[in-house]
Amino acid sequence: MQFELTPLPYPADALAPHISERTIDHHYGKHHRGYMTKLQKALKGRPEADLSLEQIVSNSQGGVLNNAAQVWNHDFYWASMAPEASAPKGKLKRLIDSSFGSLDGWKKTFAETAAGEFGSGWAWTAYVPAQKSLAVFSTTDALCPLLTSTVPLLTLDVWEHAYYLDYQQDRAAYIDAFVDRLVNWEAASERLAAA
């Protein structure tokens, strides 16, 4: 399989003013592309190059795992946002209400989890099939839910490069913009339906 950088699902300026085109150019064009370039080099001529990205994440270690997981996490991150935020509906809304009490309860839990991730990492909302409920948790560095028994629905990148140009050290303002203005609930619903 030939790995290529997945195109953004919207123009680079589409998330402004919450995430600027400058941040997207830097984050997607340098960081995300850098992980992809390192993964391509690491897999060149190796049998793992014929696996899917998910298979590589699930069956690798070290540098290959780190770069493959970061590529996967970033692909998932871009698709977790939309220029025009929607509201959760149907089964997803019912699960949010039963798991967190309300959408505001989810926002509070998610924001606290994202803010509480020390250093670099990711905040996730995932479906837990065994419990038929939703969970919010964080992962450090390149770790991702593909290595757990959950089905990821959305993520927020809380590495400093994701928000520093727009928010400086104010991670909380970046998190608030995500939960209030940018979540792609339609994509999360589609992922839940496929679980």
N, C-alpha and C. Protein backbone atom coordinates (compact mmCIF):
# COMPACT_ATOMS: atom_id res chain seq x y z
N MET A 1 0.84 -1.18 0.00
CA MET A 1 0.00 0.00 0.00
C MET A 1 0.88 1.24 0.00
N GLN A 2 0.55 2.19 -0.81
CA GLN A 2 1.29 3.45 -0.85
C GLN A 2 0.58 4.46 0.04
N PHE A 3 1.24 4.89 1.10
CA PHE A 3 0.64 5.86 2.00
C PHE A 3 0.87 7.27 1.49
N GLU A 4 -0.20 8.02 1.46
CA GLU A 4 -0.14 9.42 1.06
C GLU A 4 -0.86 10.25 2.12
N LEU A 5 -0.53 11.51 2.21
CA LEU A 5 -1.18 12.41 3.15
C LEU A 5 -2.64 12.59 2.73
N THR A 6 -3.55 12.31 3.64
CA THR A 6 -4.97 12.47 3.36
C THR A 6 -5.29 13.96 3.22
N PRO A 7 -6.00 14.35 2.16
CA PRO A 7 -6.35 15.77 2.02
C PRO A 7 -7.24 16.22 3.16
N LEU A 8 -7.13 17.49 3.52
CA LEU A 8 -8.04 18.05 4.51
C LEU A 8 -9.48 17.97 4.00
N PRO A 9 -10.45 17.76 4.89
CA PRO A 9 -11.85 17.66 4.43
C PRO A 9 -12.51 19.01 4.18
N TYR A 10 -11.74 20.10 4.26
CA TYR A 10 -12.26 21.45 4.05
C TYR A 10 -11.07 22.33 3.70
N PRO A 11 -11.32 23.53 3.16
CA PRO A 11 -10.20 24.45 2.86
C PRO A 11 -9.44 24.83 4.14
N ALA A 12 -8.19 25.20 3.99
CA ALA A 12 -7.33 25.50 5.14
C ALA A 12 -7.82 26.68 5.97
N ASP A 13 -8.64 27.55 5.38
CA ASP A 13 -9.15 28.70 6.14
C ASP A 13 -10.55 28.49 6.68
N ALA A 14 -11.10 27.29 6.52
CA ALA A 14 -12.51 27.05 6.84
C ALA A 14 -12.83 27.05 8.33
N LEU A 15 -11.85 26.81 9.19
CA LEU A 15 -12.12 26.75 10.63
C LEU A 15 -11.88 28.09 11.33
N ALA A 16 -11.45 29.09 10.57
CA ALA A 16 -11.23 30.42 11.15
C ALA A 16 -12.58 31.01 11.57
N PRO A 17 -12.59 31.80 12.62
CA PRO A 17 -11.47 32.33 13.38
C PRO A 17 -10.98 31.41 14.51
N HIS A 18 -11.61 30.27 14.67
CA HIS A 18 -11.28 29.40 15.81
C HIS A 18 -9.93 28.71 15.64
N ILE A 19 -9.64 28.28 14.43
CA ILE A 19 -8.31 27.76 14.07
C ILE A 19 -7.94 28.43 12.76
N SER A 20 -6.87 29.18 12.77
CA SER A 20 -6.51 30.00 11.62
C SER A 20 -5.89 29.18 10.49
N GLU A 21 -5.91 29.75 9.31
CA GLU A 21 -5.25 29.14 8.16
C GLU A 21 -3.76 28.97 8.44
N ARG A 22 -3.17 29.93 9.12
CA ARG A 22 -1.75 29.84 9.47
C ARG A 22 -1.47 28.60 10.33
N THR A 23 -2.34 28.36 11.32
CA THR A 23 -2.17 27.17 12.16
C THR A 23 -2.35 25.90 11.34
N ILE A 24 -3.37 25.87 10.49
CA ILE A 24 -3.60 24.68 9.66
C ILE A 24 -2.40 24.43 8.76
N ASP A 25 -1.88 25.48 8.13
CA ASP A 25 -0.71 25.32 7.25
C ASP A 25 0.47 24.74 8.02
N HIS A 26 0.68 25.23 9.23
CA HIS A 26 1.80 24.76 10.05
C HIS A 26 1.54 23.34 10.57
N HIS A 27 0.36 23.12 11.12
CA HIS A 27 0.03 21.85 11.76
C HIS A 27 -0.10 20.72 10.72
N TYR A 28 -0.93 20.95 9.72
CA TYR A 28 -1.14 19.95 8.68
C TYR A 28 0.06 19.88 7.73
N GLY A 29 0.51 21.04 7.28
CA GLY A 29 1.55 21.08 6.26
C GLY A 29 2.94 20.70 6.74
N LYS A 30 3.21 20.88 8.02
CA LYS A 30 4.53 20.54 8.55
C LYS A 30 4.48 19.33 9.49
N HIS A 31 3.70 19.41 10.56
CA HIS A 31 3.68 18.32 11.54
C HIS A 31 3.09 17.04 10.97
N HIS A 32 1.85 17.13 10.49
CA HIS A 32 1.19 15.94 9.95
C HIS A 32 1.99 15.37 8.77
N ARG A 33 2.39 16.23 7.86
CA ARG A 33 3.19 15.79 6.71
C ARG A 33 4.51 15.16 7.17
N GLY A 34 5.10 15.72 8.22
CA GLY A 34 6.35 15.17 8.74
C GLY A 34 6.20 13.73 9.24
N TYR A 35 5.10 13.46 9.95
CA TYR A 35 4.85 12.09 10.41
C TYR A 35 4.68 11.15 9.21
N MET A 36 3.96 11.62 8.20
CA MET A 36 3.74 10.78 7.01
C MET A 36 5.07 10.51 6.31
N THR A 37 5.90 11.51 6.15
CA THR A 37 7.19 11.33 5.49
C THR A 37 8.06 10.32 6.24
N LYS A 38 8.10 10.44 7.56
CA LYS A 38 8.88 9.49 8.37
C LYS A 38 8.32 8.08 8.27
N LEU A 39 6.99 7.95 8.23
CA LEU A 39 6.37 6.62 8.09
C LEU A 39 6.70 6.03 6.73
N GLN A 40 6.60 6.80 5.68
CA GLN A 40 6.93 6.31 4.35
C GLN A 40 8.36 5.80 4.29
N LYS A 41 9.29 6.54 4.87
CA LYS A 41 10.70 6.12 4.88
C LYS A 41 10.88 4.85 5.70
N ALA A 42 10.23 4.76 6.84
CA ALA A 42 10.38 3.60 7.72
C ALA A 42 9.82 2.32 7.09
N LEU A 43 8.80 2.45 6.24
CA LEU A 43 8.15 1.28 5.66
C LEU A 43 8.70 0.90 4.28
N LYS A 44 9.51 1.74 3.71
CA LYS A 44 10.01 1.48 2.35
C LYS A 44 10.72 0.13 2.28
N GLY A 45 10.20 -0.73 1.38
CA GLY A 45 10.79 -2.04 1.16
C GLY A 45 10.46 -3.08 2.22
N ARG A 46 9.62 -2.74 3.18
CA ARG A 46 9.26 -3.68 4.24
C ARG A 46 7.89 -4.29 3.96
N PRO A 47 7.65 -5.55 4.39
CA PRO A 47 6.35 -6.17 4.15
C PRO A 47 5.19 -5.42 4.79
N GLU A 48 5.43 -4.69 5.90
CA GLU A 48 4.37 -3.94 6.56
C GLU A 48 3.78 -2.86 5.66
N ALA A 49 4.52 -2.48 4.64
CA ALA A 49 4.03 -1.43 3.74
C ALA A 49 2.76 -1.85 3.01
N ASP A 50 2.47 -3.14 2.97
CA ASP A 50 1.26 -3.63 2.32
C ASP A 50 0.05 -3.67 3.26
N LEU A 51 0.24 -3.35 4.53
CA LEU A 51 -0.85 -3.36 5.50
C LEU A 51 -1.60 -2.03 5.47
N SER A 52 -2.79 -2.04 6.03
CA SER A 52 -3.52 -0.78 6.19
C SER A 52 -2.88 0.02 7.32
N LEU A 53 -3.18 1.30 7.37
CA LEU A 53 -2.65 2.14 8.44
C LEU A 53 -3.09 1.61 9.80
N GLU A 54 -4.35 1.19 9.91
CA GLU A 54 -4.87 0.65 11.17
C GLU A 54 -4.11 -0.62 11.58
N GLN A 55 -3.80 -1.48 10.63
CA GLN A 55 -3.05 -2.70 10.93
C GLN A 55 -1.63 -2.37 11.38
N ILE A 56 -1.04 -1.38 10.77
CA ILE A 56 0.31 -0.98 11.17
C ILE A 56 0.30 -0.45 12.60
N VAL A 57 -0.67 0.40 12.92
CA VAL A 57 -0.77 0.93 14.29
C VAL A 57 -0.95 -0.21 15.28
N SER A 58 -1.79 -1.16 14.95
CA SER A 58 -2.11 -2.25 15.88
C SER A 58 -1.00 -3.27 16.03
N ASN A 59 -0.05 -3.32 15.09
CA ASN A 59 0.95 -4.39 15.10
C ASN A 59 2.40 -3.90 15.08
N SER A 60 2.62 -2.65 15.42
CA SER A 60 3.97 -2.09 15.35
C SER A 60 4.45 -1.62 16.71
N GLN A 61 5.72 -1.27 16.74
CA GLN A 61 6.33 -0.72 17.94
C GLN A 61 7.28 0.40 17.54
N GLY A 62 7.77 1.11 18.54
CA GLY A 62 8.82 2.10 18.31
C GLY A 62 8.43 3.19 17.34
N GLY A 63 9.39 3.57 16.50
CA GLY A 63 9.21 4.67 15.57
C GLY A 63 8.10 4.44 14.56
N VAL A 64 7.96 3.20 14.08
CA VAL A 64 6.88 2.92 13.12
C VAL A 64 5.53 3.16 13.78
N LEU A 65 5.34 2.64 15.00
CA LEU A 65 4.08 2.86 15.72
C LEU A 65 3.85 4.35 15.95
N ASN A 66 4.86 5.05 16.43
CA ASN A 66 4.69 6.48 16.73
C ASN A 66 4.26 7.26 15.50
N ASN A 67 4.93 7.05 14.38
CA ASN A 67 4.58 7.80 13.17
C ASN A 67 3.26 7.36 12.56
N ALA A 68 2.99 6.05 12.54
CA ALA A 68 1.72 5.57 12.01
C ALA A 68 0.55 6.06 12.86
N ALA A 69 0.69 5.99 14.18
CA ALA A 69 -0.38 6.45 15.06
C ALA A 69 -0.59 7.95 14.94
N GLN A 70 0.48 8.70 14.79
CA GLN A 70 0.32 10.15 14.64
C GLN A 70 -0.36 10.49 13.31
N VAL A 71 -0.05 9.76 12.25
CA VAL A 71 -0.75 9.98 10.98
C VAL A 71 -2.24 9.66 11.17
N TRP A 72 -2.53 8.52 11.79
CA TRP A 72 -3.94 8.12 11.99
C TRP A 72 -4.65 9.12 12.89
N ASN A 73 -4.02 9.50 14.01
CA ASN A 73 -4.64 10.47 14.92
C ASN A 73 -4.94 11.78 14.22
N HIS A 74 -4.00 12.27 13.43
CA HIS A 74 -4.23 13.54 12.74
C HIS A 74 -5.33 13.42 11.70
N ASP A 75 -5.36 12.34 10.93
CA ASP A 75 -6.47 12.15 9.99
C ASP A 75 -7.80 12.21 10.72
N PHE A 76 -7.85 11.56 11.88
CA PHE A 76 -9.08 11.51 12.68
C PHE A 76 -9.42 12.88 13.25
N TYR A 77 -8.40 13.61 13.67
CA TYR A 77 -8.60 14.96 14.21
C TYR A 77 -9.22 15.90 13.19
N TRP A 78 -8.64 15.94 11.99
CA TRP A 78 -9.19 16.85 10.98
C TRP A 78 -10.65 16.51 10.68
N ALA A 79 -10.97 15.22 10.64
CA ALA A 79 -12.34 14.81 10.35
C ALA A 79 -13.27 14.98 11.55
N SER A 80 -12.73 15.24 12.73
CA SER A 80 -13.55 15.47 13.93
C SER A 80 -14.07 16.90 14.01
N MET A 81 -13.64 17.73 13.07
CA MET A 81 -14.06 19.13 13.06
C MET A 81 -14.78 19.47 11.77
N ALA A 82 -15.64 20.47 11.84
CA ALA A 82 -16.36 20.95 10.66
C ALA A 82 -16.47 22.47 10.75
N PRO A 83 -16.46 23.15 9.60
CA PRO A 83 -16.57 24.61 9.61
C PRO A 83 -17.86 25.10 10.26
N GLU A 84 -18.92 24.32 10.12
CA GLU A 84 -20.19 24.69 10.74
C GLU A 84 -20.59 23.54 11.66
N ALA A 85 -20.45 23.78 12.95
CA ALA A 85 -20.76 22.73 13.92
C ALA A 85 -22.24 22.39 13.88
N SER A 86 -22.53 21.13 14.05
CA SER A 86 -23.90 20.66 14.12
C SER A 86 -24.19 20.29 15.57
N ALA A 87 -25.32 19.68 15.81
CA ALA A 87 -25.66 19.19 17.15
C ALA A 87 -25.80 17.67 17.09
N PRO A 88 -25.44 16.98 18.16
CA PRO A 88 -25.63 15.53 18.17
C PRO A 88 -27.11 15.18 18.12
N LYS A 89 -27.42 14.09 17.42
CA LYS A 89 -28.82 13.67 17.26
C LYS A 89 -28.93 12.17 17.45
N GLY A 90 -30.16 11.69 17.53
CA GLY A 90 -30.44 10.26 17.52
C GLY A 90 -29.71 9.49 18.60
N LYS A 91 -29.16 8.36 18.19
CA LYS A 91 -28.48 7.46 19.13
C LYS A 91 -27.32 8.15 19.83
N LEU A 92 -26.57 8.96 19.12
CA LEU A 92 -25.44 9.66 19.73
C LEU A 92 -25.92 10.60 20.82
N LYS A 93 -26.96 11.34 20.57
CA LYS A 93 -27.52 12.25 21.58
C LYS A 93 -27.99 11.47 22.80
N ARG A 94 -28.66 10.35 22.57
CA ARG A 94 -29.14 9.53 23.70
C ARG A 94 -27.96 9.00 24.52
N LEU A 95 -26.89 8.58 23.86
CA LEU A 95 -25.72 8.09 24.58
C LEU A 95 -25.01 9.21 25.35
N ILE A 96 -24.95 10.39 24.77
CA ILE A 96 -24.37 11.53 25.48
C ILE A 96 -25.17 11.81 26.75
N ASP A 97 -26.50 11.83 26.61
CA ASP A 97 -27.35 12.10 27.76
C ASP A 97 -27.22 11.02 28.84
N SER A 98 -27.18 9.75 28.43
CA SER A 98 -27.10 8.68 29.43
C SER A 98 -25.69 8.57 30.03
N SER A 99 -24.67 8.93 29.28
CA SER A 99 -23.30 8.80 29.77
C SER A 99 -22.82 10.03 30.55
N PHE A 100 -23.30 11.23 30.18
CA PHE A 100 -22.80 12.46 30.78
C PHE A 100 -23.90 13.36 31.35
N GLY A 101 -25.14 12.95 31.23
CA GLY A 101 -26.26 13.73 31.75
C GLY A 101 -26.84 14.71 30.76
N SER A 102 -26.00 15.25 29.88
CA SER A 102 -26.44 16.24 28.89
C SER A 102 -25.25 16.57 27.99
N LEU A 103 -25.51 17.34 26.94
CA LEU A 103 -24.42 17.81 26.10
C LEU A 103 -23.48 18.70 26.91
N ASP A 104 -24.03 19.53 27.78
CA ASP A 104 -23.18 20.36 28.64
C ASP A 104 -22.32 19.49 29.56
N GLY A 105 -22.87 18.37 30.03
CA GLY A 105 -22.09 17.44 30.85
C GLY A 105 -20.94 16.84 30.07
N TRP A 106 -21.20 16.49 28.79
CA TRP A 106 -20.11 16.00 27.94
C TRP A 106 -19.05 17.07 27.75
N LYS A 107 -19.49 18.32 27.44
CA LYS A 107 -18.54 19.42 27.22
C LYS A 107 -17.64 19.61 28.42
N LYS A 108 -18.22 19.59 29.62
CA LYS A 108 -17.44 19.78 30.84
C LYS A 108 -16.43 18.65 31.03
N THR A 109 -16.89 17.42 30.85
CA THR A 109 -16.01 16.25 31.02
C THR A 109 -14.90 16.26 29.98
N PHE A 110 -15.26 16.53 28.74
CA PHE A 110 -14.27 16.53 27.66
C PHE A 110 -13.25 17.65 27.87
N ALA A 111 -13.74 18.85 28.20
CA ALA A 111 -12.83 19.99 28.40
C ALA A 111 -11.88 19.74 29.56
N GLU A 112 -12.38 19.18 30.65
CA GLU A 112 -11.52 18.88 31.80
C GLU A 112 -10.46 17.82 31.44
N THR A 113 -10.87 16.83 30.67
CA THR A 113 -9.94 15.78 30.26
C THR A 113 -8.87 16.33 29.34
N ALA A 114 -9.28 17.14 28.37
CA ALA A 114 -8.32 17.73 27.43
C ALA A 114 -7.36 18.67 28.15
N ALA A 115 -7.87 19.47 29.06
CA ALA A 115 -7.02 20.40 29.80
C ALA A 115 -6.10 19.67 30.76
N GLY A 116 -6.54 18.51 31.24
CA GLY A 116 -5.76 17.76 32.21
C GLY A 116 -4.68 16.88 31.63
N GLU A 117 -4.63 16.75 30.31
CA GLU A 117 -3.57 15.94 29.68
C GLU A 117 -2.26 16.69 29.83
N PHE A 118 -1.40 16.16 30.65
CA PHE A 118 -0.13 16.84 30.92
C PHE A 118 0.79 16.68 29.71
N GLY A 119 1.27 17.78 29.20
CA GLY A 119 2.17 17.71 28.06
C GLY A 119 1.41 17.46 26.77
N SER A 120 1.95 16.58 25.95
CA SER A 120 1.42 16.36 24.60
C SER A 120 0.52 15.13 24.57
N GLY A 121 -0.58 15.26 23.85
CA GLY A 121 -1.48 14.12 23.75
C GLY A 121 -2.77 14.46 23.04
N TRP A 122 -3.78 13.66 23.33
CA TRP A 122 -5.05 13.71 22.63
C TRP A 122 -6.19 13.51 23.62
N ALA A 123 -7.32 14.18 23.40
CA ALA A 123 -8.54 13.91 24.16
C ALA A 123 -9.51 13.23 23.21
N TRP A 124 -10.19 12.19 23.71
CA TRP A 124 -11.05 11.36 22.87
C TRP A 124 -12.44 11.22 23.46
N THR A 125 -13.41 11.07 22.60
CA THR A 125 -14.72 10.54 22.98
C THR A 125 -14.88 9.27 22.18
N ALA A 126 -15.22 8.19 22.86
CA ALA A 126 -15.30 6.89 22.21
C ALA A 126 -16.51 6.12 22.71
N TYR A 127 -16.98 5.23 21.88
CA TYR A 127 -18.06 4.31 22.25
C TYR A 127 -17.42 3.07 22.86
N VAL A 128 -17.99 2.61 23.97
CA VAL A 128 -17.50 1.42 24.66
C VAL A 128 -18.54 0.32 24.45
N PRO A 129 -18.33 -0.56 23.45
CA PRO A 129 -19.36 -1.54 23.12
C PRO A 129 -19.78 -2.43 24.30
N ALA A 130 -18.82 -2.84 25.12
CA ALA A 130 -19.14 -3.74 26.23
C ALA A 130 -20.11 -3.10 27.22
N GLN A 131 -20.07 -1.78 27.34
CA GLN A 131 -20.93 -1.07 28.29
C GLN A 131 -22.08 -0.32 27.61
N LYS A 132 -22.06 -0.33 26.28
CA LYS A 132 -23.06 0.43 25.51
C LYS A 132 -23.17 1.87 26.01
N SER A 133 -22.01 2.49 26.18
CA SER A 133 -21.96 3.87 26.67
C SER A 133 -20.79 4.59 26.01
N LEU A 134 -20.68 5.87 26.31
CA LEU A 134 -19.58 6.67 25.82
C LEU A 134 -18.56 6.89 26.93
N ALA A 135 -17.32 7.07 26.54
CA ALA A 135 -16.24 7.39 27.48
C ALA A 135 -15.44 8.54 26.93
N VAL A 136 -14.93 9.35 27.82
CA VAL A 136 -13.99 10.41 27.48
C VAL A 136 -12.68 10.08 28.19
N PHE A 137 -11.57 10.14 27.44
CA PHE A 137 -10.27 9.84 28.03
C PHE A 137 -9.20 10.53 27.20
N SER A 138 -7.99 10.55 27.73
CA SER A 138 -6.88 11.13 26.98
C SER A 138 -5.82 10.06 26.75
N THR A 139 -5.02 10.29 25.73
CA THR A 139 -3.86 9.45 25.46
C THR A 139 -2.64 10.35 25.35
N THR A 140 -1.51 9.82 25.70
CA THR A 140 -0.27 10.58 25.69
C THR A 140 0.50 10.34 24.40
N ASP A 141 1.14 11.38 23.93
CA ASP A 141 1.99 11.31 22.74
C ASP A 141 1.21 10.73 21.55
N ALA A 142 1.65 9.60 21.00
CA ALA A 142 1.03 9.06 19.79
C ALA A 142 0.00 7.97 20.06
N LEU A 143 -0.25 7.64 21.31
CA LEU A 143 -1.18 6.55 21.58
C LEU A 143 -2.58 6.90 21.09
N CYS A 144 -3.35 5.87 20.73
CA CYS A 144 -4.69 6.11 20.20
C CYS A 144 -5.62 4.96 20.56
N PRO A 145 -6.93 5.16 20.40
CA PRO A 145 -7.91 4.13 20.78
C PRO A 145 -7.87 2.86 19.93
N LEU A 146 -7.15 2.86 18.83
CA LEU A 146 -7.03 1.62 18.06
C LEU A 146 -6.38 0.53 18.91
N LEU A 147 -5.69 0.92 19.96
CA LEU A 147 -5.02 -0.03 20.84
C LEU A 147 -5.88 -0.37 22.05
N THR A 148 -7.17 0.01 22.03
CA THR A 148 -8.10 -0.27 23.13
C THR A 148 -9.32 -1.00 22.58
N SER A 149 -10.25 -1.31 23.47
CA SER A 149 -11.49 -1.98 23.05
C SER A 149 -12.62 -0.97 22.87
N THR A 150 -12.29 0.26 22.51
CA THR A 150 -13.29 1.30 22.27
C THR A 150 -13.35 1.64 20.79
N VAL A 151 -14.41 2.32 20.41
CA VAL A 151 -14.59 2.80 19.03
C VAL A 151 -14.51 4.32 19.08
N PRO A 152 -13.41 4.91 18.60
CA PRO A 152 -13.28 6.37 18.68
C PRO A 152 -14.33 7.08 17.82
N LEU A 153 -14.87 8.16 18.39
CA LEU A 153 -15.87 8.96 17.67
C LEU A 153 -15.36 10.33 17.31
N LEU A 154 -14.53 10.93 18.18
CA LEU A 154 -13.93 12.22 17.87
C LEU A 154 -12.71 12.43 18.75
N THR A 155 -11.84 13.33 18.28
CA THR A 155 -10.62 13.63 19.05
C THR A 155 -10.25 15.09 18.93
N LEU A 156 -9.49 15.53 19.94
CA LEU A 156 -8.90 16.87 19.93
C LEU A 156 -7.41 16.72 20.19
N ASP A 157 -6.61 17.30 19.32
CA ASP A 157 -5.16 17.31 19.47
C ASP A 157 -4.80 18.38 20.50
N VAL A 158 -4.18 17.98 21.60
CA VAL A 158 -3.77 18.96 22.61
C VAL A 158 -2.25 19.12 22.66
N TRP A 159 -1.56 18.68 21.60
CA TRP A 159 -0.15 19.04 21.46
C TRP A 159 -0.10 20.56 21.27
N GLU A 160 0.91 21.18 21.80
CA GLU A 160 0.99 22.64 21.76
C GLU A 160 0.96 23.19 20.33
N HIS A 161 1.53 22.47 19.37
CA HIS A 161 1.56 23.00 18.00
C HIS A 161 0.16 23.12 17.40
N ALA A 162 -0.84 22.45 17.99
CA ALA A 162 -2.21 22.51 17.47
C ALA A 162 -2.88 23.85 17.76
N TYR A 163 -2.39 24.58 18.76
CA TYR A 163 -3.09 25.80 19.16
C TYR A 163 -2.20 27.00 19.45
N TYR A 164 -0.90 26.82 19.53
CA TYR A 164 -0.03 27.89 20.02
C TYR A 164 -0.09 29.17 19.17
N LEU A 165 -0.12 29.05 17.87
CA LEU A 165 -0.14 30.25 17.02
C LEU A 165 -1.40 31.07 17.22
N ASP A 166 -2.51 30.42 17.54
CA ASP A 166 -3.78 31.13 17.72
C ASP A 166 -4.06 31.49 19.17
N TYR A 167 -3.64 30.65 20.10
CA TYR A 167 -4.05 30.81 21.50
C TYR A 167 -2.88 30.97 22.47
N GLN A 168 -1.65 30.94 21.98
CA GLN A 168 -0.47 30.96 22.83
C GLN A 168 -0.58 29.84 23.88
N GLN A 169 -0.46 30.16 25.16
CA GLN A 169 -0.52 29.12 26.18
C GLN A 169 -1.94 28.85 26.66
N ASP A 170 -2.94 29.44 26.05
CA ASP A 170 -4.32 29.32 26.53
C ASP A 170 -5.00 28.09 25.93
N ARG A 171 -4.57 26.92 26.40
CA ARG A 171 -5.16 25.67 25.92
C ARG A 171 -6.67 25.65 26.18
N ALA A 172 -7.10 26.19 27.30
CA ALA A 172 -8.53 26.16 27.65
C ALA A 172 -9.39 26.88 26.61
N ALA A 173 -8.91 28.01 26.07
CA ALA A 173 -9.68 28.74 25.04
C ALA A 173 -9.78 27.91 23.76
N TYR A 174 -8.71 27.23 23.40
CA TYR A 174 -8.72 26.33 22.24
C TYR A 174 -9.71 25.20 22.45
N ILE A 175 -9.70 24.61 23.62
CA ILE A 175 -10.63 23.51 23.93
C ILE A 175 -12.07 24.01 23.86
N ASP A 176 -12.32 25.19 24.44
CA ASP A 176 -13.67 25.74 24.41
C ASP A 176 -14.15 25.98 22.98
N ALA A 177 -13.27 26.48 22.12
CA ALA A 177 -13.63 26.70 20.72
C ALA A 177 -14.01 25.38 20.06
N PHE A 178 -13.26 24.33 20.37
CA PHE A 178 -13.57 23.02 19.80
C PHE A 178 -14.93 22.51 20.26
N VAL A 179 -15.16 22.46 21.57
CA VAL A 179 -16.41 21.87 22.06
C VAL A 179 -17.63 22.71 21.73
N ASP A 180 -17.46 24.03 21.62
CA ASP A 180 -18.61 24.91 21.35
C ASP A 180 -18.85 25.19 19.88
N ARG A 181 -17.80 25.11 19.04
CA ARG A 181 -17.94 25.60 17.67
C ARG A 181 -17.49 24.65 16.56
N LEU A 182 -16.68 23.64 16.87
CA LEU A 182 -16.03 22.92 15.79
C LEU A 182 -16.34 21.42 15.69
N VAL A 183 -16.97 20.83 16.69
CA VAL A 183 -17.17 19.37 16.67
C VAL A 183 -18.04 18.96 15.48
N ASN A 184 -17.56 17.98 14.76
CA ASN A 184 -18.31 17.42 13.64
C ASN A 184 -19.16 16.25 14.17
N TRP A 185 -20.33 16.59 14.71
CA TRP A 185 -21.20 15.57 15.30
C TRP A 185 -21.73 14.61 14.25
N GLU A 186 -21.88 15.06 13.02
CA GLU A 186 -22.36 14.16 11.96
C GLU A 186 -21.35 13.05 11.71
N ALA A 187 -20.06 13.38 11.68
CA ALA A 187 -19.03 12.36 11.49
C ALA A 187 -19.02 11.42 12.68
N ALA A 188 -19.18 11.95 13.90
CA ALA A 188 -19.20 11.09 15.09
C ALA A 188 -20.39 10.13 15.02
N SER A 189 -21.54 10.61 14.58
CA SER A 189 -22.73 9.75 14.44
C SER A 189 -22.50 8.64 13.42
N GLU A 190 -21.84 8.97 12.31
CA GLU A 190 -21.53 7.97 11.29
C GLU A 190 -20.59 6.90 11.84
N ARG A 191 -19.61 7.31 12.63
CA ARG A 191 -18.69 6.34 13.23
C ARG A 191 -19.42 5.44 14.22
N LEU A 192 -20.33 6.03 15.00
CA LEU A 192 -21.12 5.26 15.95
C LEU A 192 -22.00 4.25 15.21
N ALA A 193 -22.63 4.68 14.14
CA ALA A 193 -23.51 3.79 13.37
C ALA A 193 -22.73 2.62 12.78
N ALA A 194 -21.47 2.84 12.46
CA ALA A 194 -20.65 1.78 11.86
C ALA A 194 -20.06 0.84 12.92
N ALA A 195 -20.18 1.20 14.19
CA ALA A 195 -19.57 0.39 15.27
C ALA A 195 -20.28 -0.95 15.46
